[in-house]
């Protein structure tokens, strides 16, 4: 099965490792080291050319879809993507 993650892009459900809300990659007031680690992961993936944007020019990423092939920036919320994935898994 495939999971549509926005703007005509689909990934194989079997390749999806995690669906992460983009907020875990943005700075927080408490200066959490976890945010720093998450951001470092995203930067490292970008340097390797493994970050794929599914966004229109003015859209902000709402979800990071982490697969074994790369990280996709999706405009669709993580809960909506989880519901889509669970719908097909229940079939």
Protein backbone atom coordinates (compact mmCIF):
# COMPACT_ATOMS: atom_id res chain seq x y z
CA UNK A 1 0.00 0.00 0.00
CA UNK A 2 0.98 3.60 -0.50
CA UNK A 3 0.46 6.58 1.79
CA UNK A 4 -0.34 9.91 0.12
CA UNK A 5 1.64 12.56 2.02
CA UNK A 6 0.64 15.66 0.08
CA UNK A 7 0.80 17.45 -3.26
CA UNK A 8 0.75 14.30 -5.35
CA UNK A 9 3.53 12.50 -3.46
CA UNK A 10 3.04 8.98 -2.12
CA UNK A 11 5.39 6.67 -0.28
CA UNK A 12 5.18 2.95 0.34
CA UNK A 13 3.65 2.30 3.76
CA UNK A 14 6.25 -0.39 4.42
CA UNK A 15 9.03 2.22 4.08
CA UNK A 16 7.58 4.59 6.70
CA UNK A 17 9.59 4.55 9.91
CA UNK A 18 7.99 7.52 11.69
CA UNK A 19 5.46 10.30 11.27
CA UNK A 20 6.76 13.24 13.34
CA UNK A 21 5.03 16.52 14.03
CA UNK A 22 7.32 19.29 12.75
CA UNK A 23 7.15 21.01 16.17
CA UNK A 24 9.70 18.55 17.55
CA UNK A 25 12.27 20.13 15.22
CA UNK A 26 11.58 23.75 16.17
CA UNK A 27 13.20 25.65 19.03
CA UNK A 28 11.47 25.68 22.38
CA UNK A 29 11.84 28.14 25.23
CA UNK A 30 13.34 25.57 27.59
CA UNK A 31 16.34 24.99 25.27
CA UNK A 32 15.70 21.25 25.17
CA UNK A 33 18.65 19.16 24.00
CA UNK A 34 16.18 16.81 22.31
CA UNK A 35 15.21 19.61 19.89
CA UNK A 36 18.90 20.11 19.12
CA UNK A 37 19.39 16.39 18.40
CA UNK A 38 16.30 16.34 16.18
CA UNK A 39 17.45 19.42 14.27
CA UNK A 40 20.94 17.92 13.85
CA UNK A 41 19.35 14.79 12.35
CA UNK A 42 17.37 16.90 9.87
CA UNK A 43 20.45 18.94 8.92
CA UNK A 44 22.50 15.76 8.41
CA UNK A 45 19.77 14.29 6.20
CA UNK A 46 19.70 17.54 4.20
CA UNK A 47 23.46 17.49 3.67
CA UNK A 48 23.16 13.95 2.28
CA UNK A 49 20.36 15.09 -0.06
CA UNK A 50 17.81 12.93 1.75
CA UNK A 51 15.24 15.67 2.51
CA UNK A 52 12.40 15.77 -0.02
CA UNK A 53 9.89 18.60 0.09
CA UNK A 54 6.23 17.93 -0.75
CA UNK A 55 5.35 21.56 -0.07
CA UNK A 56 3.96 24.29 -2.26
CA UNK A 57 6.04 27.51 -2.22
CA UNK A 58 4.14 29.22 0.63
CA UNK A 59 3.41 26.11 2.75
CA UNK A 60 5.06 25.26 6.04
CA UNK A 61 5.86 21.63 6.89
CA UNK A 62 3.44 20.13 9.41
CA UNK A 63 4.85 16.60 9.43
CA UNK A 64 8.18 14.96 8.77
CA UNK A 65 7.68 11.54 7.23
CA UNK A 66 10.83 9.55 7.97
CA UNK A 67 11.41 6.61 5.65
CA UNK A 68 14.34 4.32 4.98
CA UNK A 69 15.02 6.35 1.81
CA UNK A 70 14.84 9.87 3.27
CA UNK A 71 12.83 12.51 5.11
CA UNK A 72 9.76 14.00 3.44
CA UNK A 73 8.35 17.38 4.48
CA UNK A 74 4.57 17.11 4.33
CA UNK A 75 1.90 19.81 4.57
CA UNK A 76 -0.56 17.29 6.09
CA UNK A 77 -0.80 16.94 9.86
CA UNK A 78 0.70 13.88 11.54
CA UNK A 79 -2.65 12.72 13.01
CA UNK A 80 -4.27 12.85 9.55
CA UNK A 81 -1.44 10.81 8.04
CA UNK A 82 -1.68 8.28 10.90
CA UNK A 83 -5.42 7.91 10.30
CA UNK A 84 -4.80 7.30 6.59
CA UNK A 85 -2.16 4.71 7.37
CA UNK A 86 -4.32 2.94 9.95
CA UNK A 87 -7.28 2.88 7.56
CA UNK A 88 -5.31 0.81 5.10
CA UNK A 89 -3.72 -1.39 7.76
CA UNK A 90 -7.16 -2.40 9.06
CA UNK A 91 -8.27 -3.62 5.63
